[in-house]
Amino acid sequence: MSDYFYLDVEIKLAEEPNQLSALYLKGSIERSLTKVFGEIGGQTEVDLLKFDAQRKRIILRVPKEFYVKLRAAITLIGEFQGVPCNFQVKKASPLLLSLVETHVDFAGQTVA
């Protein structure tokens, strides 16, 4: 079994922020971890593996012992660059391959 947990997270924003980038998103998550768990407790290794700006989705990797802390910190993020938002975990798994999208995930999307 993997020593990591992988999360597929969607960011829902009330309006478009000034700049939506992987660096700013990761910083927002790290600030939330520190705010919730303090300087020592918030020191969690979080890797942003994939960033899709168009769909506002990210794939995160975290050591399995910090998975619960990360979920809590993500849940408590209420704004991004002053814009009200929420982070919704779509899938989570100890296996990265299980986050692969299937045809069901594409329902409602049109192909040009």
PDB file of N, CA and C in Angstrom:
ATOM      1  N   MET A   1       0.835  -1.180   0.000  1.00  0.00           N
ATOM      2  CA  MET A   1       0.000   0.000   0.000  1.00  0.00           C
ATOM      3  C   MET A   1       0.881   1.244   0.000  1.00  0.00           C
ATOM      4  N   SER A   2       0.368   2.304  -0.547  1.00  0.00           N
ATOM      5  CA  SER A   2       1.103   3.550  -0.694  1.00  0.00           C
ATOM      6  C   SER A   2       1.278   4.273   0.643  1.00  0.00           C
ATOM      7  N   ASP A   3       2.369   5.019   0.751  1.00  0.00           N
ATOM      8  CA  ASP A   3       2.604   5.851   1.926  1.00  0.00           C
ATOM      9  C   ASP A   3       1.961   7.224   1.754  1.00  0.00           C
ATOM     10  N   TYR A   4       1.311   7.433   0.616  1.00  0.00           N
ATOM     11  CA  TYR A   4       0.697   8.726   0.303  1.00  0.00           C
ATOM     12  C   TYR A   4      -0.788   8.581   0.031  1.00  0.00           C
ATOM     13  N   PHE A   5      -1.497   9.701   0.151  1.00  0.00           N
ATOM     14  CA  PHE A   5      -2.885   9.800  -0.280  1.00  0.00           C
ATOM     15  C   PHE A   5      -2.927  10.843  -1.379  1.00  0.00           C
ATOM     16  N   TYR A   6      -3.759  10.613  -2.359  1.00  0.00           N
ATOM     17  CA  TYR A   6      -3.921  11.519  -3.495  1.00  0.00           C
ATOM     18  C   TYR A   6      -5.336  12.068  -3.474  1.00  0.00           C
ATOM     19  N   LEU A   7      -5.468  13.360  -3.740  1.00  0.00           N
ATOM     20  CA  LEU A   7      -6.771  14.010  -3.716  1.00  0.00           C
ATOM     21  C   LEU A   7      -7.002  14.761  -5.017  1.00  0.00           C
ATOM     22  N   ASP A   8      -8.175  14.599  -5.567  1.00  0.00           N
ATOM     23  CA  ASP A   8      -8.627  15.359  -6.733  1.00  0.00           C
ATOM     24  C   ASP A   8      -9.565  16.432  -6.177  1.00  0.00           C
ATOM     25  N   VAL A   9      -9.160  17.686  -6.288  1.00  0.00           N
ATOM     26  CA  VAL A   9      -9.878  18.785  -5.643  1.00  0.00           C
ATOM     27  C   VAL A   9     -10.354  19.788  -6.691  1.00  0.00           C
ATOM     28  N   GLU A  10     -11.611  20.200  -6.556  1.00  0.00           N
ATOM     29  CA  GLU A  10     -12.180  21.234  -7.422  1.00  0.00           C
ATOM     30  C   GLU A  10     -12.330  22.517  -6.612  1.00  0.00           C
ATOM     31  N   ILE A  11     -11.937  23.639  -7.221  1.00  0.00           N
ATOM     32  CA  ILE A  11     -12.052  24.934  -6.563  1.00  0.00           C
ATOM     33  C   ILE A  11     -13.265  25.648  -7.141  1.00  0.00           C
ATOM     34  N   LYS A  12     -14.198  26.004  -6.291  1.00  0.00           N
ATOM     35  CA  LYS A  12     -15.402  26.730  -6.714  1.00  0.00           C
ATOM     36  C   LYS A  12     -15.254  28.162  -6.232  1.00  0.00           C
ATOM     37  N   LEU A  13     -15.290  29.109  -7.178  1.00  0.00           N
ATOM     38  CA  LEU A  13     -15.091  30.521  -6.871  1.00  0.00           C
ATOM     39  C   LEU A  13     -16.348  31.321  -7.179  1.00  0.00           C
ATOM     40  N   ALA A  14     -16.647  32.323  -6.341  1.00  0.00           N
ATOM     41  CA  ALA A  14     -17.806  33.186  -6.565  1.00  0.00           C
ATOM     42  C   ALA A  14     -17.595  34.041  -7.815  1.00  0.00           C
ATOM     43  N   GLU A  15     -16.349  34.391  -8.103  1.00  0.00           N
ATOM     44  CA  GLU A  15     -15.982  35.149  -9.296  1.00  0.00           C
ATOM     45  C   GLU A  15     -14.529  34.851  -9.617  1.00  0.00           C
ATOM     46  N   GLU A  16     -14.092  35.253 -10.777  1.00  0.00           N
ATOM     47  CA  GLU A  16     -12.705  34.975 -11.170  1.00  0.00           C
ATOM     48  C   GLU A  16     -11.736  35.804 -10.324  1.00  0.00           C
ATOM     49  N   PRO A  17     -10.702  35.188  -9.768  1.00  0.00           N
ATOM     50  CA  PRO A  17      -9.694  35.937  -9.005  1.00  0.00           C
ATOM     51  C   PRO A  17      -8.746  36.666  -9.961  1.00  0.00           C
ATOM     52  N   ASN A  18      -7.876  37.500  -9.394  1.00  0.00           N
ATOM     53  CA  ASN A  18      -6.901  38.221 -10.219  1.00  0.00           C
ATOM     54  C   ASN A  18      -6.022  37.255 -11.003  1.00  0.00           C
ATOM     55  N   GLN A  19      -5.550  36.228 -10.338  1.00  0.00           N
ATOM     56  CA  GLN A  19      -4.685  35.253 -10.996  1.00  0.00           C
ATOM     57  C   GLN A  19      -4.875  33.897 -10.327  1.00  0.00           C
ATOM     58  N   LEU A  20      -5.250  32.914 -11.117  1.00  0.00           N
ATOM     59  CA  LEU A  20      -5.407  31.552 -10.614  1.00  0.00           C
ATOM     60  C   LEU A  20      -4.193  30.759 -11.071  1.00  0.00           C
ATOM     61  N   SER A  21      -3.280  30.504 -10.148  1.00  0.00           N
ATOM     62  CA  SER A  21      -2.072  29.768 -10.505  1.00  0.00           C
ATOM     63  C   SER A  21      -1.814  28.672  -9.480  1.00  0.00           C
ATOM     64  N   ALA A  22      -1.037  27.700  -9.886  1.00  0.00           N
ATOM     65  CA  ALA A  22      -0.693  26.585  -9.007  1.00  0.00           C
ATOM     66  C   ALA A  22       0.022  27.080  -7.752  1.00  0.00           C
ATOM     67  N   LEU A  23       0.905  28.043  -7.917  1.00  0.00           N
ATOM     68  CA  LEU A  23       1.673  28.572  -6.792  1.00  0.00           C
ATOM     69  C   LEU A  23       0.759  29.232  -5.760  1.00  0.00           C
ATOM     70  N   TYR A  24      -0.193  30.039  -6.212  1.00  0.00           N
ATOM     71  CA  TYR A  24      -1.117  30.699  -5.296  1.00  0.00           C
ATOM     72  C   TYR A  24      -2.043  29.694  -4.603  1.00  0.00           C
ATOM     73  N   LEU A  25      -2.489  28.681  -5.340  1.00  0.00           N
ATOM     74  CA  LEU A  25      -3.357  27.657  -4.738  1.00  0.00           C
ATOM     75  C   LEU A  25      -2.627  26.881  -3.651  1.00  0.00           C
ATOM     76  N   LYS A  26      -1.410  26.472  -3.960  1.00  0.00           N
ATOM     77  CA  LYS A  26      -0.630  25.726  -2.964  1.00  0.00           C
ATOM     78  C   LYS A  26      -0.360  26.594  -1.737  1.00  0.00           C
ATOM     79  N   GLY A  27      -0.068  27.866  -1.951  1.00  0.00           N
ATOM     80  CA  GLY A  27       0.150  28.786  -0.839  1.00  0.00           C
ATOM     81  C   GLY A  27      -1.088  28.937   0.026  1.00  0.00           C
ATOM     82  N   SER A  28      -2.243  28.986  -0.603  1.00  0.00           N
ATOM     83  CA  SER A  28      -3.511  29.085   0.122  1.00  0.00           C
ATOM     84  C   SER A  28      -3.728  27.858   1.012  1.00  0.00           C
ATOM     85  N   ILE A  29      -3.422  26.696   0.484  1.00  0.00           N
ATOM     86  CA  ILE A  29      -3.561  25.450   1.253  1.00  0.00           C
ATOM     87  C   ILE A  29      -2.577  25.433   2.420  1.00  0.00           C
ATOM     88  N   GLU A  30      -1.340  25.831   2.167  1.00  0.00           N
ATOM     89  CA  GLU A  30      -0.326  25.844   3.226  1.00  0.00           C
ATOM     90  C   GLU A  30      -0.678  26.854   4.321  1.00  0.00           C
ATOM     91  N   ARG A  31      -1.209  28.021   3.942  1.00  0.00           N
ATOM     92  CA  ARG A  31      -1.630  29.011   4.940  1.00  0.00           C
ATOM     93  C   ARG A  31      -2.769  28.457   5.795  1.00  0.00           C
ATOM     94  N   SER A  32      -3.694  27.751   5.170  1.00  0.00           N
ATOM     95  CA  SER A  32      -4.803  27.169   5.922  1.00  0.00           C
ATOM     96  C   SER A  32      -4.294  26.119   6.910  1.00  0.00           C
ATOM     97  N   LEU A  33      -3.360  25.295   6.486  1.00  0.00           N
ATOM     98  CA  LEU A  33      -2.774  24.292   7.392  1.00  0.00           C
ATOM     99  C   LEU A  33      -2.142  24.967   8.605  1.00  0.00           C
ATOM    100  N   THR A  34      -1.387  26.039   8.370  1.00  0.00           N
ATOM    101  CA  THR A  34      -0.728  26.757   9.465  1.00  0.00           C
ATOM    102  C   THR A  34      -1.757  27.439  10.363  1.00  0.00           C
ATOM    103  N   LYS A  35      -2.779  28.029   9.763  1.00  0.00           N
ATOM    104  CA  LYS A  35      -3.827  28.716  10.534  1.00  0.00           C
ATOM    105  C   LYS A  35      -4.577  27.740  11.442  1.00  0.00           C
ATOM    106  N   VAL A  36      -4.880  26.558  10.922  1.00  0.00           N
ATOM    107  CA  VAL A  36      -5.666  25.582  11.673  1.00  0.00           C
ATOM    108  C   VAL A  36      -4.823  24.829  12.705  1.00  0.00           C
ATOM    109  N   PHE A  37      -3.602  24.434  12.320  1.00  0.00           N
ATOM    110  CA  PHE A  37      -2.803  23.558  13.174  1.00  0.00           C
ATOM    111  C   PHE A  37      -1.559  24.214  13.777  1.00  0.00           C
ATOM    112  N   GLY A  38      -1.356  25.505  13.525  1.00  0.00           N
ATOM    113  CA  GLY A  38      -0.208  26.213  14.077  1.00  0.00           C
ATOM    114  C   GLY A  38       1.057  25.969  13.259  1.00  0.00           C
ATOM    115  N   GLU A  39       2.118  26.648  13.655  1.00  0.00           N
ATOM    116  CA  GLU A  39       3.385  26.566  12.916  1.00  0.00           C
ATOM    117  C   GLU A  39       3.933  25.137  12.855  1.00  0.00           C
ATOM    118  N   ILE A  40       3.937  24.441  13.967  1.00  0.00           N
ATOM    119  CA  ILE A  40       4.492  23.090  14.016  1.00  0.00           C
ATOM    120  C   ILE A  40       3.516  22.085  13.403  1.00  0.00           C
ATOM    121  N   GLY A  41       2.278  22.117  13.851  1.00  0.00           N
ATOM    122  CA  GLY A  41       1.274  21.175  13.349  1.00  0.00           C
ATOM    123  C   GLY A  41       0.944  21.363  11.881  1.00  0.00           C
ATOM    124  N   GLY A  42       1.150  22.573  11.385  1.00  0.00           N
ATOM    125  CA  GLY A  42       0.840  22.861   9.988  1.00  0.00           C
ATOM    126  C   GLY A  42       1.947  22.509   9.020  1.00  0.00           C
ATOM    127  N   GLN A  43       3.064  22.026   9.539  1.00  0.00           N
ATOM    128  CA  GLN A  43       4.179  21.652   8.663  1.00  0.00           C
ATOM    129  C   GLN A  43       3.902  20.294   8.041  1.00  0.00           C
ATOM    130  N   THR A  44       3.140  20.333   6.977  1.00  0.00           N
ATOM    131  CA  THR A  44       2.745  19.126   6.271  1.00  0.00           C
ATOM    132  C   THR A  44       3.283  19.197   4.850  1.00  0.00           C
ATOM    133  N   GLU A  45       3.870  18.131   4.413  1.00  0.00           N
ATOM    134  CA  GLU A  45       4.390  18.051   3.048  1.00  0.00           C
ATOM    135  C   GLU A  45       3.212  17.833   2.093  1.00  0.00           C
ATOM    136  N   VAL A  46       2.916  18.849   1.296  1.00  0.00           N
ATOM    137  CA  VAL A  46       1.833  18.765   0.315  1.00  0.00           C
ATOM    138  C   VAL A  46       2.431  19.017  -1.058  1.00  0.00           C
ATOM    139  N   ASP A  47       2.212  18.086  -1.971  1.00  0.00           N
ATOM    140  CA  ASP A  47       2.708  18.241  -3.343  1.00  0.00           C
ATOM    141  C   ASP A  47       1.527  18.463  -4.275  1.00  0.00           C
ATOM    142  N   LEU A  48       1.613  19.499  -5.091  1.00  0.00           N
ATOM    143  CA  LEU A  48       0.598  19.751  -6.101  1.00  0.00           C
ATOM    144  C   LEU A  48       1.106  19.077  -7.374  1.00  0.00           C
ATOM    145  N   LEU A  49       0.486  17.964  -7.748  1.00  0.00           N
ATOM    146  CA  LEU A  49       0.957  17.169  -8.877  1.00  0.00           C
ATOM    147  C   LEU A  49       0.402  17.641 -10.215  1.00  0.00           C
ATOM    148  N   LYS A  50      -0.830  18.154 -10.201  1.00  0.00           N
ATOM    149  CA  LYS A  50      -1.457  18.586 -11.453  1.00  0.00           C
ATOM    150  C   LYS A  50      -2.335  19.790 -11.178  1.00  0.00           C
ATOM    151  N   PHE A  51      -2.345  20.729 -12.121  1.00  0.00           N
ATOM    152  CA  PHE A  51      -3.163  21.928 -12.017  1.00  0.00           C
ATOM    153  C   PHE A  51      -3.844  22.165 -13.355  1.00  0.00           C
ATOM    154  N   ASP A  52      -5.158  22.223 -13.339  1.00  0.00           N
ATOM    155  CA  ASP A  52      -5.948  22.483 -14.541  1.00  0.00           C
ATOM    156  C   ASP A  52      -6.721  23.779 -14.295  1.00  0.00           C
ATOM    157  N   ALA A  53      -6.182  24.897 -14.799  1.00  0.00           N
ATOM    158  CA  ALA A  53      -6.774  26.212 -14.550  1.00  0.00           C
ATOM    159  C   ALA A  53      -8.153  26.344 -15.179  1.00  0.00           C
ATOM    160  N   GLN A  54      -8.344  25.762 -16.345  1.00  0.00           N
ATOM    161  CA  GLN A  54      -9.625  25.879 -17.032  1.00  0.00           C
ATOM    162  C   GLN A  54     -10.746  25.212 -16.243  1.00  0.00           C
ATOM    163  N   ARG A  55     -10.505  24.009 -15.753  1.00  0.00           N
ATOM    164  CA  ARG A  55     -11.516  23.265 -14.996  1.00  0.00           C
ATOM    165  C   ARG A  55     -11.470  23.567 -13.497  1.00  0.00           C
ATOM    166  N   LYS A  56     -10.445  24.331 -13.081  1.00  0.00           N
ATOM    167  CA  LYS A  56     -10.241  24.667 -11.671  1.00  0.00           C
ATOM    168  C   LYS A  56     -10.133  23.399 -10.816  1.00  0.00           C
ATOM    169  N   ARG A  57      -9.253  22.518 -11.245  1.00  0.00           N
ATOM    170  CA  ARG A  57      -9.028  21.247 -10.539  1.00  0.00           C
ATOM    171  C   ARG A  57      -7.536  21.085 -10.261  1.00  0.00           C
ATOM    172  N   ILE A  58      -7.248  20.452  -9.140  1.00  0.00           N
ATOM    173  CA  ILE A  58      -5.870  20.138  -8.773  1.00  0.00           C
ATOM    174  C   ILE A  58      -5.804  18.705  -8.252  1.00  0.00           C
ATOM    175  N   ILE A  59      -4.622  18.110  -8.406  1.00  0.00           N
ATOM    176  CA  ILE A  59      -4.337  16.801  -7.808  1.00  0.00           C
ATOM    177  C   ILE A  59      -3.240  17.048  -6.770  1.00  0.00           C
ATOM    178  N   LEU A  60      -3.519  16.650  -5.543  1.00  0.00           N
ATOM    179  CA  LEU A  60      -2.578  16.822  -4.444  1.00  0.00           C
ATOM    180  C   LEU A  60      -2.090  15.468  -3.948  1.00  0.00           C
ATOM    181  N   ARG A  61      -0.866  15.468  -3.427  1.00  0.00           N
ATOM    182  CA  ARG A  61      -0.314  14.273  -2.777  1.00  0.00           C
ATOM    183  C   ARG A  61       0.150  14.677  -1.388  1.00  0.00           C
ATOM    184  N   VAL A  62      -0.207  13.863  -0.404  1.00  0.00           N
ATOM    185  CA  VAL A  62       0.160  14.140   0.977  1.00  0.00           C
ATOM    186  C   VAL A  62       0.505  12.808   1.652  1.00  0.00           C
ATOM    187  N   PRO A  63       1.489  12.804   2.559  1.00  0.00           N
ATOM    188  CA  PRO A  63       1.750  11.571   3.307  1.00  0.00           C
ATOM    189  C   PRO A  63       0.486  11.127   4.033  1.00  0.00           C
ATOM    190  N   LYS A  64       0.251   9.816   4.061  1.00  0.00           N
ATOM    191  CA  LYS A  64      -1.024   9.311   4.595  1.00  0.00           C
ATOM    192  C   LYS A  64      -1.280   9.747   6.032  1.00  0.00           C
ATOM    193  N   GLU A  65      -0.237   9.967   6.834  1.00  0.00           N
ATOM    194  CA  GLU A  65      -0.458  10.383   8.219  1.00  0.00           C
ATOM    195  C   GLU A  65      -0.962  11.830   8.325  1.00  0.00           C
ATOM    196  N   PHE A  66      -0.876  12.608   7.237  1.00  0.00           N
ATOM    197  CA  PHE A  66      -1.349  13.991   7.239  1.00  0.00           C
ATOM    198  C   PHE A  66      -2.632  14.175   6.424  1.00  0.00           C
ATOM    199  N   TYR A  67      -3.181  13.094   5.922  1.00  0.00           N
ATOM    200  CA  TYR A  67      -4.373  13.164   5.080  1.00  0.00           C
ATOM    201  C   TYR A  67      -5.540  13.866   5.777  1.00  0.00           C
ATOM    202  N   VAL A  68      -5.815  13.504   7.012  1.00  0.00           N
ATOM    203  CA  VAL A  68      -6.946  14.087   7.747  1.00  0.00           C
ATOM    204  C   VAL A  68      -6.718  15.577   7.974  1.00  0.00           C
ATOM    205  N   LYS A  69      -5.499  15.963   8.308  1.00  0.00           N
ATOM    206  CA  LYS A  69      -5.177  17.383   8.500  1.00  0.00           C
ATOM    207  C   LYS A  69      -5.403  18.161   7.202  1.00  0.00           C
ATOM    208  N   LEU A  70      -4.966  17.596   6.097  1.00  0.00           N
ATOM    209  CA  LEU A  70      -5.133  18.288   4.816  1.00  0.00           C
ATOM    210  C   LEU A  70      -6.601  18.450   4.479  1.00  0.00           C
ATOM    211  N   ARG A  71      -7.398  17.397   4.668  1.00  0.00           N
ATOM    212  CA  ARG A  71      -8.843  17.494   4.392  1.00  0.00           C
ATOM    213  C   ARG A  71      -9.481  18.595   5.237  1.00  0.00           C
ATOM    214  N   ALA A  72      -9.112  18.667   6.510  1.00  0.00           N
ATOM    215  CA  ALA A  72      -9.667  19.697   7.395  1.00  0.00           C
ATOM    216  C   ALA A  72      -9.260  21.089   6.926  1.00  0.00           C
ATOM    217  N   ALA A  73      -7.995  21.267   6.597  1.00  0.00           N
ATOM    218  CA  ALA A  73      -7.508  22.581   6.166  1.00  0.00           C
ATOM    219  C   ALA A  73      -8.166  23.014   4.856  1.00  0.00           C
ATOM    220  N   ILE A  74      -8.338  22.090   3.920  1.00  0.00           N
ATOM    221  CA  ILE A  74      -8.973  22.408   2.638  1.00  0.00           C
ATOM    222  C   ILE A  74     -10.430  22.817   2.862  1.00  0.00           C
ATOM    223  N   THR A  75     -11.112  22.102   3.739  1.00  0.00           N
ATOM    224  CA  THR A  75     -12.516  22.387   4.023  1.00  0.00           C
ATOM    225  C   THR A  75     -12.706  23.793   4.595  1.00  0.00           C
ATOM    226  N   LEU A  76     -11.740  24.271   5.348  1.00  0.00           N
ATOM    227  CA  LEU A  76     -11.870  25.556   6.026  1.00  0.00           C
ATOM    228  C   LEU A  76     -11.418  26.755   5.194  1.00  0.00           C
ATOM    229  N   ILE A  77     -10.960  26.542   3.969  1.00  0.00           N
ATOM    230  CA  ILE A  77     -10.592  27.667   3.108  1.00  0.00           C
ATOM    231  C   ILE A  77     -11.886  28.317   2.615  1.00  0.00           C
ATOM    232  N   GLY A  78     -12.063  29.581   2.936  1.00  0.00           N
ATOM    233  CA  GLY A  78     -13.298  30.277   2.581  1.00  0.00           C
ATOM    234  C   GLY A  78     -13.130  31.365   1.543  1.00  0.00           C
ATOM    235  N   GLU A  79     -11.867  31.707   1.248  1.00  0.00           N
ATOM    236  CA  GLU A  79     -11.638  32.720   0.225  1.00  0.00           C
ATOM    237  C   GLU A  79     -10.289  32.517  -0.428  1.00  0.00           C
ATOM    238  N   PHE A  80     -10.201  32.946  -1.665  1.00  0.00           N
ATOM    239  CA  PHE A  80      -8.962  32.861  -2.422  1.00  0.00           C
ATOM    240  C   PHE A  80      -8.754  34.218  -3.072  1.00  0.00           C
ATOM    241  N   GLN A  81      -7.692  34.903  -2.689  1.00  0.00           N
ATOM    242  CA  GLN A  81      -7.380  36.252  -3.168  1.00  0.00           C
ATOM    243  C   GLN A  81      -8.565  37.192  -2.973  1.00  0.00           C
ATOM    244  N   GLY A  82      -9.221  37.091  -1.829  1.00  0.00           N
ATOM    245  CA  GLY A  82     -10.341  37.960  -1.510  1.00  0.00           C
ATOM    246  C   GLY A  82     -11.667  37.562  -2.142  1.00  0.00           C
ATOM    247  N   VAL A  83     -11.667  36.465  -2.903  1.00  0.00           N
ATOM    248  CA  VAL A  83     -12.883  35.990  -3.567  1.00  0.00           C
ATOM    249  C   VAL A  83     -13.446  34.811  -2.770  1.00  0.00           C
ATOM    250  N   PRO A  84     -14.731  34.866  -2.370  1.00  0.00           N
ATOM    251  CA  PRO A  84     -15.316  33.727  -1.651  1.00  0.00           C
ATOM    252  C   PRO A  84     -15.193  32.441  -2.488  1.00  0.00           C
ATOM    253  N   CYS A  85     -14.848  31.355  -1.815  1.00  0.00           N
ATOM    254  CA  CYS A  85     -14.652  30.098  -2.531  1.00  0.00           C
ATOM    255  C   CYS A  85     -14.837  28.916  -1.583  1.00  0.00           C
ATOM    256  N   ASN A  86     -14.845  27.735  -2.169  1.00  0.00           N
ATOM    257  CA  ASN A  86     -14.710  26.525  -1.377  1.00  0.00           C
ATOM    258  C   ASN A  86     -13.955  25.500  -2.210  1.00  0.00           C
ATOM    259  N   PHE A  87     -13.253  24.654  -1.513  1.00  0.00           N
ATOM    260  CA  PHE A  87     -12.483  23.590  -2.139  1.00  0.00           C
ATOM    261  C   PHE A  87     -13.254  22.304  -1.894  1.00  0.00           C
ATOM    262  N   GLN A  88     -13.589  21.591  -2.953  1.00  0.00           N
ATOM    263  CA  GLN A  88     -14.377  20.365  -2.823  1.00  0.00           C
ATOM    264  C   GLN A  88     -13.536  19.180  -3.282  1.00  0.00           C
ATOM    265  N   VAL A  89     -13.334  18.222  -2.380  1.00  0.00           N
ATOM    266  CA  VAL A  89     -12.589  17.013  -2.721  1.00  0.00           C
ATOM    267  C   VAL A  89     -13.521  16.105  -3.514  1.00  0.00           C
ATOM    268  N   LYS A  90     -13.176  15.851  -4.780  1.00  0.00           N
ATOM    269  CA  LYS A  90     -13.988  15.008  -5.655  1.00  0.00           C
ATOM    270  C   LYS A  90     -13.682  13.533  -5.440  1.00  0.00           C
ATOM    271  N   LYS A  91     -12.397  13.230  -5.293  1.00  0.00           N
ATOM    272  CA  LYS A  91     -11.953  11.847  -5.063  1.00  0.00           C
ATOM    273  C   LYS A  91     -10.719  11.871  -4.185  1.00  0.00           C
ATOM    274  N   ALA A  92     -10.532  10.815  -3.412  1.00  0.00           N
ATOM    275  CA  ALA A  92      -9.325  10.644  -2.607  1.00  0.00           C
ATOM    276  C   ALA A  92      -9.009   9.160  -2.565  1.00  0.00           C
ATOM    277  N   SER A  93      -7.720   8.846  -2.660  1.00  0.00           N
ATOM    278  CA  SER A  93      -7.330   7.444  -2.699  1.00  0.00           C
ATOM    279  C   SER A  93      -5.845   7.300  -2.389  1.00  0.00           C
ATOM    280  N   PRO A  94      -5.444   6.139  -1.861  1.00  0.00           N
ATOM    281  CA  PRO A  94      -4.017   5.873  -1.695  1.00  0.00           C
ATOM    282  C   PRO A  94      -3.357   5.480  -3.024  1.00  0.00           C
ATOM    283  N   LEU A  95      -4.160   5.317  -4.072  1.00  0.00           N
ATOM    284  CA  LEU A  95      -3.635   4.943  -5.387  1.00  0.00           C
ATOM    285  C   LEU A  95      -3.892   6.057  -6.393  1.00  0.00           C
ATOM    286  N   LEU A  96      -2.836   6.623  -6.922  1.00  0.00           N
ATOM    287  CA  LEU A  96      -2.968   7.712  -7.888  1.00  0.00           C
ATOM    288  C   LEU A  96      -3.769   7.286  -9.112  1.00  0.00           C
ATOM    289  N   LEU A  97      -3.581   6.075  -9.552  1.00  0.00           N
ATOM    290  CA  LEU A  97      -4.268   5.583 -10.746  1.00  0.00           C
ATOM    291  C   LEU A  97      -5.790   5.601 -10.583  1.00  0.00           C
ATOM    292  N   SER A  98      -6.271   5.478  -9.373  1.00  0.00           N
ATOM    293  CA  SER A  98      -7.717   5.466  -9.163  1.00  0.00           C
ATOM    294  C   SER A  98      -8.359   6.839  -9.388  1.00  0.00           C
ATOM    295  N   LEU A  99      -7.557   7.892  -9.522  1.00  0.00           N
ATOM    296  CA  LEU A  99      -8.088   9.226  -9.796  1.00  0.00           C
ATOM    297  C   LEU A  99      -8.252   9.486 -11.292  1.00  0.00           C
ATOM    298  N   VAL A 100      -7.861   8.530 -12.108  1.00  0.00           N
ATOM    299  CA  VAL A 100      -8.003   8.681 -13.551  1.00  0.00           C
ATOM    300  C   VAL A 100      -9.478   8.850 -13.878  1.00  0.00           C
ATOM    301  N   GLU A 101      -9.768   9.818 -14.725  1.00  0.00           N
ATOM    302  CA  GLU A 101     -11.158  10.094 -15.078  1.00  0.00           C
ATOM    303  C   GLU A 101     -11.691   9.041 -16.036  1.00  0.00           C
ATOM    304  N   THR A 102     -12.940   8.703 -15.839  1.00  0.00           N
ATOM    305  CA  THR A 102     -13.599   7.742 -16.712  1.00  0.00           C
ATOM    306  C   THR A 102     -14.575   8.484 -17.610  1.00  0.00           C
ATOM    307  N   HIS A 103     -15.227   7.766 -18.480  1.00  0.00           N
ATOM    308  CA  HIS A 103     -16.209   8.393 -19.362  1.00  0.00           C
ATOM    309  C   HIS A 103     -17.357   9.006 -18.568  1.00  0.00           C
ATOM    310  N   VAL A 104     -17.633   8.498 -17.383  1.00  0.00           N
ATOM    311  CA  VAL A 104     -18.706   9.039 -16.547  1.00  0.00           C
ATOM    312  C   VAL A 104     -18.358  10.463 -16.107  1.00  0.00           C
ATOM    313  N   ASP A 105     -17.058  10.719 -15.849  1.00  0.00           N
ATOM    314  CA  ASP A 105     -16.620  12.043 -15.421  1.00  0.00           C
ATOM    315  C   ASP A 105     -16.819  13.083 -16.527  1.00  0.00           C
ATOM    316  N   PHE A 106     -16.899  12.646 -17.750  1.00  0.00           N
ATOM    317  CA  PHE A 106     -17.017  13.575 -18.879  1.00  0.00           C
ATOM    318  C   PHE A 106     -18.460  13.776 -19.309  1.00  0.00           C
ATOM    319  N   ALA A 107     -19.410  13.181 -18.612  1.00  0.00           N
ATOM    320  CA  ALA A 107     -20.823  13.334 -18.962  1.00  0.00           C
ATOM    321  C   ALA A 107     -21.195  14.807 -18.955  1.00  0.00           C
ATOM    322  N   GLY A 108     -21.855  15.231 -19.989  1.00  0.00           N
ATOM    323  CA  GLY A 108     -22.265  16.629 -20.071  1.00  0.00           C
ATOM    324  C   GLY A 108     -21.246  17.525 -20.750  1.00  0.00           C
ATOM    325  N   GLN A 109     -20.025  17.046 -20.965  1.00  0.00           N
ATOM    326  CA  GLN A 109     -19.029  17.839 -21.656  1.00  0.00           C
ATOM    327  C   GLN A 109     -19.079  17.507 -23.137  1.00  0.00           C
ATOM    328  N   THR A 110     -18.957  18.519 -23.966  1.00  0.00           N
ATOM    329  CA  THR A 110     -19.000  18.287 -25.407  1.00  0.00           C
ATOM    330  C   THR A 110     -17.601  18.286 -25.987  1.00  0.00           C
ATOM    331  N   VAL A 111     -17.413  17.502 -26.988  1.00  0.00           N
ATOM    332  CA  VAL A 111     -16.134  17.403 -27.667  1.00  0.00           C
ATOM    333  C   VAL A 111     -16.271  18.107 -29.008  1.00  0.00           C
ATOM    334  N   ALA A 112     -15.380  19.047 -29.263  1.00  0.00           N
ATOM    335  CA  ALA A 112     -15.447  19.813 -30.518  1.00  0.00           C
ATOM    336  C   ALA A 112     -14.655  19.123 -31.607  1.00  0.00           C
TER     337      ALA A 112
END
